[in-house]
Amino acid sequence: MSRPSNVTQIDRKTGMQIKAVLHMQLEIQRCLHEQLEIQRKLQLRIEEQGELLKKTFEQQQETTRSLL
């Protein structure tokens, strides 16, 4: 049983649209993954800076106590 040419044409067009949408979805996923990796690295830097600040503050307190 043969299909009418207009149905075949619609199927091709739909297939191309699906392919384009899947490509867009893949690009978006890549961007989101990259953004997540950047956020993770920033979070680590923030935590490191927090630890450094805490140590600096503790050293300052010790210095102040020793002077009193």
N, C-alpha and C. Protein backbone atom coordinates (compact mmCIF):
# COMPACT_ATOMS: atom_id res chain seq x y z
N MET A 1 0.85 -1.19 0.00
CA MET A 1 0.00 0.00 0.00
C MET A 1 0.89 1.24 0.00
N SER A 2 0.71 2.09 -0.95
CA SER A 2 1.54 3.29 -1.05
C SER A 2 0.87 4.44 -0.31
N ARG A 3 1.72 5.31 0.18
CA ARG A 3 1.21 6.47 0.91
C ARG A 3 1.09 7.64 -0.05
N PRO A 4 0.13 8.48 0.16
CA PRO A 4 0.04 9.68 -0.67
C PRO A 4 1.28 10.56 -0.46
N SER A 5 1.68 11.24 -1.50
CA SER A 5 2.91 12.05 -1.44
C SER A 5 2.82 13.16 -0.40
N ASN A 6 1.64 13.70 -0.19
CA ASN A 6 1.52 14.78 0.80
C ASN A 6 1.74 14.26 2.23
N VAL A 7 1.36 13.01 2.51
CA VAL A 7 1.60 12.42 3.83
C VAL A 7 3.09 12.19 4.01
N THR A 8 3.75 11.68 2.97
CA THR A 8 5.19 11.46 3.03
C THR A 8 5.91 12.78 3.24
N GLN A 9 5.45 13.82 2.57
CA GLN A 9 6.06 15.14 2.70
C GLN A 9 5.88 15.67 4.13
N ILE A 10 4.70 15.45 4.70
CA ILE A 10 4.46 15.88 6.08
C ILE A 10 5.36 15.11 7.03
N ASP A 11 5.50 13.80 6.80
CA ASP A 11 6.37 12.98 7.65
C ASP A 11 7.81 13.48 7.59
N ARG A 12 8.28 13.83 6.41
CA ARG A 12 9.65 14.34 6.27
C ARG A 12 9.80 15.67 7.01
N LYS A 13 8.81 16.54 6.81
CA LYS A 13 8.87 17.85 7.47
C LYS A 13 8.85 17.68 8.99
N THR A 14 7.99 16.80 9.48
CA THR A 14 7.92 16.54 10.92
C THR A 14 9.23 15.96 11.42
N GLY A 15 9.80 15.05 10.66
CA GLY A 15 11.09 14.46 11.03
C GLY A 15 12.18 15.50 11.11
N MET A 16 12.19 16.43 10.17
CA MET A 16 13.19 17.50 10.18
C MET A 16 12.99 18.42 11.38
N GLN A 17 11.72 18.70 11.70
CA GLN A 17 11.43 19.55 12.85
C GLN A 17 11.86 18.87 14.15
N ILE A 18 11.59 17.58 14.25
CA ILE A 18 12.01 16.83 15.45
C ILE A 18 13.52 16.84 15.57
N LYS A 19 14.20 16.65 14.46
CA LYS A 19 15.67 16.66 14.46
C LYS A 19 16.19 18.02 14.92
N ALA A 20 15.59 19.10 14.43
CA ALA A 20 16.01 20.45 14.82
C ALA A 20 15.77 20.70 16.31
N VAL A 21 14.62 20.26 16.80
CA VAL A 21 14.29 20.45 18.21
C VAL A 21 15.25 19.65 19.09
N LEU A 22 15.57 18.42 18.69
CA LEU A 22 16.51 17.60 19.46
C LEU A 22 17.89 18.24 19.48
N HIS A 23 18.28 18.83 18.36
CA HIS A 23 19.57 19.52 18.30
C HIS A 23 19.58 20.72 19.25
N MET A 24 18.49 21.48 19.25
CA MET A 24 18.38 22.63 20.16
C MET A 24 18.42 22.16 21.61
N GLN A 25 17.72 21.08 21.91
CA GLN A 25 17.70 20.55 23.27
C GLN A 25 19.11 20.14 23.70
N LEU A 26 19.85 19.51 22.81
CA LEU A 26 21.22 19.10 23.12
C LEU A 26 22.10 20.31 23.41
N GLU A 27 21.95 21.37 22.62
CA GLU A 27 22.72 22.59 22.84
C GLU A 27 22.38 23.23 24.19
N ILE A 28 21.10 23.24 24.51
CA ILE A 28 20.66 23.81 25.79
C ILE A 28 21.23 22.98 26.94
N GLN A 29 21.20 21.66 26.80
CA GLN A 29 21.76 20.80 27.85
C GLN A 29 23.25 21.05 28.02
N ARG A 30 23.96 21.25 26.93
CA ARG A 30 25.39 21.56 27.01
C ARG A 30 25.62 22.86 27.77
N CYS A 31 24.83 23.87 27.41
CA CYS A 31 24.96 25.17 28.08
C CYS A 31 24.65 25.06 29.57
N LEU A 32 23.60 24.32 29.91
CA LEU A 32 23.24 24.15 31.31
C LEU A 32 24.32 23.39 32.07
N HIS A 33 24.90 22.39 31.44
CA HIS A 33 25.98 21.63 32.08
C HIS A 33 27.18 22.54 32.33
N GLU A 34 27.50 23.36 31.33
CA GLU A 34 28.62 24.30 31.48
C GLU A 34 28.35 25.30 32.60
N GLN A 35 27.13 25.81 32.63
CA GLN A 35 26.75 26.78 33.67
C GLN A 35 26.81 26.13 35.06
N LEU A 36 26.36 24.89 35.16
CA LEU A 36 26.40 24.17 36.43
C LEU A 36 27.84 23.97 36.89
N GLU A 37 28.72 23.65 35.96
CA GLU A 37 30.14 23.47 36.30
C GLU A 37 30.75 24.78 36.79
N ILE A 38 30.41 25.88 36.14
CA ILE A 38 30.91 27.19 36.57
C ILE A 38 30.39 27.52 37.97
N GLN A 39 29.11 27.26 38.21
CA GLN A 39 28.53 27.53 39.54
C GLN A 39 29.20 26.67 40.61
N ARG A 40 29.50 25.42 40.28
CA ARG A 40 30.16 24.53 41.23
C ARG A 40 31.54 25.07 41.59
N LYS A 41 32.29 25.51 40.57
CA LYS A 41 33.62 26.07 40.82
C LYS A 41 33.54 27.35 41.65
N LEU A 42 32.56 28.18 41.35
CA LEU A 42 32.37 29.41 42.14
C LEU A 42 32.03 29.09 43.59
N GLN A 43 31.18 28.09 43.79
CA GLN A 43 30.81 27.69 45.15
C GLN A 43 32.05 27.23 45.92
N LEU A 44 32.91 26.47 45.28
CA LEU A 44 34.15 26.02 45.93
C LEU A 44 35.03 27.21 46.29
N ARG A 45 35.13 28.18 45.38
CA ARG A 45 35.94 29.38 45.66
C ARG A 45 35.36 30.17 46.82
N ILE A 46 34.04 30.28 46.86
CA ILE A 46 33.38 31.01 47.95
C ILE A 46 33.66 30.32 49.28
N GLU A 47 33.57 28.99 49.29
CA GLU A 47 33.85 28.25 50.51
C GLU A 47 35.30 28.41 50.94
N GLU A 48 36.22 28.38 49.99
CA GLU A 48 37.64 28.58 50.31
C GLU A 48 37.88 29.97 50.88
N GLN A 49 37.27 30.97 50.27
CA GLN A 49 37.42 32.34 50.76
C GLN A 49 36.83 32.48 52.16
N GLY A 50 35.71 31.81 52.41
CA GLY A 50 35.10 31.83 53.74
C GLY A 50 36.03 31.24 54.79
N GLU A 51 36.67 30.13 54.45
CA GLU A 51 37.62 29.50 55.39
C GLU A 51 38.81 30.42 55.65
N LEU A 52 39.30 31.05 54.59
CA LEU A 52 40.42 31.98 54.73
C LEU A 52 40.04 33.15 55.62
N LEU A 53 38.86 33.70 55.40
CA LEU A 53 38.37 34.82 56.20
C LEU A 53 38.23 34.41 57.67
N LYS A 54 37.71 33.21 57.90
CA LYS A 54 37.56 32.71 59.26
C LYS A 54 38.92 32.59 59.95
N LYS A 55 39.90 32.03 59.26
CA LYS A 55 41.25 31.90 59.83
C LYS A 55 41.87 33.26 60.12
N THR A 56 41.69 34.20 59.20
CA THR A 56 42.23 35.55 59.38
C THR A 56 41.60 36.20 60.60
N PHE A 57 40.29 36.06 60.74
CA PHE A 57 39.58 36.63 61.88
C PHE A 57 40.07 36.01 63.19
N GLU A 58 40.24 34.68 63.20
CA GLU A 58 40.73 34.00 64.40
C GLU A 58 42.14 34.46 64.76
N GLN A 59 42.99 34.63 63.76
CA GLN A 59 44.35 35.12 64.02
C GLN A 59 44.33 36.53 64.58
N GLN A 60 43.44 37.35 64.04
CA GLN A 60 43.31 38.72 64.53
C GLN A 60 42.85 38.73 65.98
N GLN A 61 41.91 37.85 66.32
CA GLN A 61 41.45 37.77 67.71
C GLN A 61 42.58 37.34 68.64
N GLU A 62 43.36 36.36 68.21
CA GLU A 62 44.49 35.90 69.03
C GLU A 62 45.51 37.02 69.23
N THR A 63 45.79 37.76 68.17
CA THR A 63 46.73 38.87 68.27
C THR A 63 46.20 39.93 69.23
N THR A 64 44.93 40.25 69.13
CA THR A 64 44.32 41.25 70.00
C THR A 64 44.38 40.79 71.46
N ARG A 65 44.07 39.52 71.71
CA ARG A 65 44.12 38.98 73.09
C ARG A 65 45.53 39.04 73.66
N SER A 66 46.52 38.73 72.83
CA SER A 66 47.90 38.73 73.33
C SER A 66 48.40 40.15 73.64
N LEU A 67 47.83 41.14 72.99
CA LEU A 67 48.22 42.52 73.25
C LEU A 67 47.57 43.07 74.51
N LEU A 68 46.47 42.49 74.92
CA LEU A 68 45.75 43.00 76.10
C LEU A 68 46.31 42.42 77.31
